[in-house]
C-alpha atoms as a PDB file:
ATOM      1  CA  MET A   1      25.556 -22.611   4.295  1.00  0.00           C
ATOM      2  CA  PHE A   2      27.422 -20.079   1.333  1.00  0.00           C
ATOM      3  CA  GLN A   3      26.253 -20.920  -2.421  1.00  0.00           C
ATOM      4  CA  LEU A   4      27.444 -18.961  -5.641  1.00  0.00           C
ATOM      5  CA  HIS A   5      24.400 -17.970  -7.915  1.00  0.00           C
ATOM      6  CA  GLU A   6      23.584 -20.603 -10.694  1.00  0.00           C
ATOM      7  CA  ARG A   7      23.775 -16.860 -13.089  1.00  0.00           C
ATOM      8  CA  LEU A   8      27.158 -16.240 -11.546  1.00  0.00           C
ATOM      9  CA  ALA A   9      28.205 -19.539 -11.833  1.00  0.00           C
ATOM     10  CA  ALA A  10      27.105 -20.053 -15.031  1.00  0.00           C
ATOM     11  CA  ASP A  11      29.300 -16.430 -16.892  1.00  0.00           C
ATOM     12  CA  THR A  12      32.435 -16.843 -14.512  1.00  0.00           C
ATOM     13  CA  THR A  13      35.379 -18.488 -13.688  1.00  0.00           C
ATOM     14  CA  LEU A  14      36.907 -18.965 -10.059  1.00  0.00           C
ATOM     15  CA  VAL A  15      40.127 -17.154  -9.914  1.00  0.00           C
ATOM     16  CA  CYS A  16      40.930 -16.775  -6.572  1.00  0.00           C
ATOM     17  CA  THR A  17      38.966 -16.144  -2.410  1.00  0.00           C
ATOM     18  CA  PHE A  18      40.014 -13.481  -0.994  1.00  0.00           C
ATOM     19  CA  ASP A  19      38.948 -13.509   2.715  1.00  0.00           C
ATOM     20  CA  LEU A  20      35.550 -12.374   1.863  1.00  0.00           C
ATOM     21  CA  CYS A  21      34.869 -12.910  -1.560  1.00  0.00           C
ATOM     22  CA  ARG A  22      35.124 -15.203  -4.362  1.00  0.00           C
ATOM     23  CA  VAL A  23      36.820 -13.466  -6.835  1.00  0.00           C
ATOM     24  CA  LEU A  24      35.601 -14.556 -10.674  1.00  0.00           C
ATOM     25  CA  LEU A  25      36.052 -13.478 -13.953  1.00  0.00           C
ATOM     26  CA  MET A  26      33.631 -12.762 -16.467  1.00  0.00           C
ATOM     27  CA  ASN A  27      33.631 -14.600 -19.464  1.00  0.00           C
ATOM     28  CA  ASN A  28      33.948 -11.768 -21.530  1.00  0.00           C
ATOM     29  CA  ARG A  29      37.146 -11.302 -23.302  1.00  0.00           C
ATOM     30  CA  VAL A  30      35.954  -7.513 -24.252  1.00  0.00           C
ATOM     31  CA  TRP A  31      36.814  -6.324 -21.211  1.00  0.00           C
ATOM     32  CA  PRO A  32      39.043  -7.217 -18.153  1.00  0.00           C
ATOM     33  CA  TRP A  33      36.216  -8.221 -15.743  1.00  0.00           C
ATOM     34  CA  LEU A  34      36.258  -9.403 -12.136  1.00  0.00           C
ATOM     35  CA  ILE A  35      33.390 -10.335  -9.836  1.00  0.00           C
ATOM     36  CA  LEU A  36      33.545  -9.867  -6.152  1.00  0.00           C
ATOM     37  CA  VAL A  37      30.996 -12.012  -4.363  1.00  0.00           C
ATOM     38  CA  PRO A  38      31.228 -12.010  -0.137  1.00  0.00           C
ATOM     39  CA  ALA A  39      30.622 -15.873   0.232  1.00  0.00           C
ATOM     40  CA  ARG A  40      28.085 -14.716   3.173  1.00  0.00           C
ATOM     41  CA  ALA A  41      24.937 -16.558   2.987  1.00  0.00           C
ATOM     42  CA  GLY A  42      21.777 -14.444   2.434  1.00  0.00           C
ATOM     43  CA  VAL A  43      23.092 -11.205   1.519  1.00  0.00           C
ATOM     44  CA  VAL A  44      21.272  -8.956  -1.224  1.00  0.00           C
ATOM     45  CA  GLU A  45      22.573  -5.510   0.187  1.00  0.00           C
ATOM     46  CA  ILE A  46      26.186  -4.181   0.836  1.00  0.00           C
ATOM     47  CA  HIS A  47      23.981  -2.593   4.154  1.00  0.00           C
ATOM     48  CA  HIS A  48      23.394  -6.499   4.851  1.00  0.00           C
ATOM     49  CA  LEU A  49      26.990  -6.788   5.376  1.00  0.00           C
ATOM     50  CA  ASP A  50      28.289  -6.504   8.955  1.00  0.00           C
ATOM     51  CA  ALA A  51      30.565  -3.614   9.829  1.00  0.00           C
ATOM     52  CA  ALA A  52      33.576  -5.595   9.706  1.00  0.00           C
ATOM     53  CA  ASP A  53      32.859  -7.729   5.733  1.00  0.00           C
ATOM     54  CA  ARG A  54      31.746  -3.897   4.696  1.00  0.00           C
ATOM     55  CA  VAL A  55      35.449  -2.661   5.094  1.00  0.00           C
ATOM     56  CA  ARG A  56      36.986  -5.891   4.344  1.00  0.00           C
ATOM     57  CA  LEU A  57      34.723  -5.770   0.857  1.00  0.00           C
ATOM     58  CA  ILE A  58      35.583  -1.979  -0.094  1.00  0.00           C
ATOM     59  CA  GLU A  59      39.600  -3.642   0.729  1.00  0.00           C
ATOM     60  CA  GLU A  60      38.886  -6.448  -1.667  1.00  0.00           C
ATOM     61  CA  ILE A  61      37.580  -4.169  -4.108  1.00  0.00           C
ATOM     62  CA  ALA A  62      40.663  -1.889  -4.009  1.00  0.00           C
ATOM     63  CA  ARG A  63      43.024  -5.038  -4.057  1.00  0.00           C
ATOM     64  CA  ALA A  64      40.915  -6.036  -7.949  1.00  0.00           C
ATOM     65  CA  SER A  65      41.224  -3.121  -8.952  1.00  0.00           C
ATOM     66  CA  ALA A  66      45.031  -2.582  -8.655  1.00  0.00           C
ATOM     67  CA  VAL A  67      45.715  -5.148 -10.043  1.00  0.00           C
ATOM     68  CA  LEU A  68      43.713  -4.301 -13.232  1.00  0.00           C
ATOM     69  CA  GLU A  69      45.074  -1.213 -13.352  1.00  0.00           C
ATOM     70  CA  ASP A  70      48.587  -3.273 -12.972  1.00  0.00           C
ATOM     71  CA  LEU A  71      48.085  -5.867 -15.410  1.00  0.00           C
ATOM     72  CA  PHE A  72      45.752  -3.685 -17.875  1.00  0.00           C
ATOM     73  CA  ARG A  73      46.738   0.559 -17.856  1.00  0.00           C
ATOM     74  CA  PRO A  74      42.886   1.119 -18.382  1.00  0.00           C
ATOM     75  CA  ASP A  75      41.313   4.588 -18.912  1.00  0.00           C
ATOM     76  CA  LYS A  76      39.042   3.746 -15.558  1.00  0.00           C
ATOM     77  CA  ILE A  77      38.343   1.460 -13.863  1.00  0.00           C
ATOM     78  CA  ASN A  78      34.300   0.892 -13.448  1.00  0.00           C
ATOM     79  CA  VAL A  79      32.969  -0.804  -9.649  1.00  0.00           C
ATOM     80  CA  GLY A  80      29.223  -1.588  -9.614  1.00  0.00           C
ATOM     81  CA  ALA A  81      27.262  -3.218  -7.617  1.00  0.00           C
ATOM     82  CA  LEU A  82      23.627  -3.947  -9.173  1.00  0.00           C
ATOM     83  CA  GLY A  83      21.726  -6.781  -8.644  1.00  0.00           C
ATOM     84  CA  ASN A  84      18.642  -6.231 -11.092  1.00  0.00           C
ATOM     85  CA  ILE A  85      18.547 -10.142 -12.509  1.00  0.00           C
ATOM     86  CA  VAL A  86      21.329 -12.159 -10.042  1.00  0.00           C
ATOM     87  CA  PRO A  87      20.353 -10.510  -6.467  1.00  0.00           C
ATOM     88  CA  GLN A  88      23.089 -12.162  -4.542  1.00  0.00           C
ATOM     89  CA  LEU A  89      25.332  -9.611  -3.365  1.00  0.00           C
ATOM     90  CA  HIS A  90      28.176  -9.079  -6.145  1.00  0.00           C
ATOM     91  CA  VAL A  91      30.292  -6.292  -7.478  1.00  0.00           C
ATOM     92  CA  HIS A  92      31.738  -5.867 -11.033  1.00  0.00           C
ATOM     93  CA  VAL A  93      35.631  -4.232 -11.114  1.00  0.00           C
ATOM     94  CA  ILE A  94      35.815  -3.848 -15.083  1.00  0.00           C
ATOM     95  CA  ALA A  95      38.910  -2.277 -16.799  1.00  0.00           C
ATOM     96  CA  ARG A  96      37.272   0.674 -19.172  1.00  0.00           C
ATOM     97  CA  GLY A  97      39.338   2.095 -21.879  1.00  0.00           C
ATOM     98  CA  LYS A  98      38.483   5.344 -24.092  1.00  0.00           C
ATOM     99  CA  GLY A  99      38.596   2.771 -27.218  1.00  0.00           C
ATOM    100  CA  ASP A 100      36.078   0.221 -25.745  1.00  0.00           C
ATOM    101  CA  PRO A 101      33.408  -0.707 -28.087  1.00  0.00           C
ATOM    102  CA  ALA A 102      30.980   0.474 -25.295  1.00  0.00           C
ATOM    103  CA  TRP A 103      32.781   3.712 -23.940  1.00  0.00           C
ATOM    104  CA  PRO A 104      31.567   5.951 -22.568  1.00  0.00           C
ATOM    105  CA  GLY A 105      29.019   4.114 -21.714  1.00  0.00           C
ATOM    106  CA  PRO A 106      27.972   0.871 -19.509  1.00  0.00           C
ATOM    107  CA  VAL A 107      29.393  -2.642 -20.496  1.00  0.00           C
ATOM    108  CA  TRP A 108      25.566  -3.975 -19.637  1.00  0.00           C
ATOM    109  CA  GLY A 109      22.965  -3.928 -22.015  1.00  0.00           C
ATOM    110  CA  SER A 110      26.033  -2.518 -24.747  1.00  0.00           C
ATOM    111  CA  GLY A 111      25.910  -5.969 -26.780  1.00  0.00           C
ATOM    112  CA  PHE A 112      29.450  -6.789 -27.093  1.00  0.00           C
ATOM    113  CA  ALA A 113      30.512 -10.259 -25.482  1.00  0.00           C
ATOM    114  CA  GLU A 114      32.929 -12.235 -26.842  1.00  0.00           C
ATOM    115  CA  PRO A 115      33.258 -15.577 -24.632  1.00  0.00           C
ATOM    116  CA  TYR A 116      37.190 -16.961 -23.877  1.00  0.00           C
ATOM    117  CA  GLY A 117      38.895 -19.725 -25.709  1.00  0.00           C
ATOM    118  CA  VAL A 118      39.869 -22.308 -22.981  1.00  0.00           C
ATOM    119  CA  ASP A 119      43.332 -21.787 -23.218  1.00  0.00           C
ATOM    120  CA  GLU A 120      43.397 -17.770 -23.104  1.00  0.00           C
ATOM    121  CA  ARG A 121      40.831 -17.831 -20.069  1.00  0.00           C
ATOM    122  CA  ASP A 122      43.023 -20.451 -17.904  1.00  0.00           C
ATOM    123  CA  GLY A 123      46.335 -18.358 -18.756  1.00  0.00           C
ATOM    124  CA  LEU A 124      44.703 -15.044 -17.888  1.00  0.00           C
ATOM    125  CA  VAL A 125      43.306 -16.672 -14.990  1.00  0.00           C
ATOM    126  CA  ASP A 126      46.900 -17.876 -14.084  1.00  0.00           C
ATOM    127  CA  LYS A 127      47.858 -14.422 -14.421  1.00  0.00           C
ATOM    128  CA  LEU A 128      45.658 -12.999 -12.384  1.00  0.00           C
ATOM    129  CA  ARG A 129      45.325 -16.001  -9.569  1.00  0.00           C
ATOM    130  CA  ARG A 130      49.654 -14.790  -9.461  1.00  0.00           C
ATOM    131  CA  ARG A 131      48.977 -11.401  -9.332  1.00  0.00           C
ATOM    132  CA  LEU A 132      45.380 -11.114  -6.859  1.00  0.00           C
ATOM    133  CA  LEU A 133      47.110 -14.039  -4.154  1.00  0.00           C
ATOM    134  CA  THR A 134      50.882 -12.961  -3.700  1.00  0.00           C
ATOM    135  CA  GLY A 135      51.214  -9.355  -5.535  1.00  0.00           C
ATOM    136  CA  SER A 136      53.804 -11.130  -8.105  1.00  0.00           C
ATOM    137  CA  ASN A 137      54.588  -9.733 -11.529  1.00  0.00           C
ATOM    138  CA  PRO A 138      52.749 -12.243 -14.357  1.00  0.00           C
END
């Protein structure tokens, strides 16, 4: 049975559920940052997914990337699956801009983190959910 890793649960808010992945918002307002977690028990690496789920994962990453690009107009979308601290397979999709505080370096270990206020987070989750699930304008 699938269970979200406790670290991901503590650091994120559920936005929506795709066919394969749970889509989470990272609680760091410095960057528009989604995390996609395939809802498959015990999966640690992308190659552990069956072929159909690997295709589904890429399509869901592309969907999340397109929404972040449309909403935030970043210079670059960073996509990464590290898993050094959280072994459960999860993929980061982060909208980056040349003016962001860690540019051009990685966001991990940058020391830049600022949690969302409740109202800001809830508003962003609603906007993202509408766009991710229906493609409608916010």
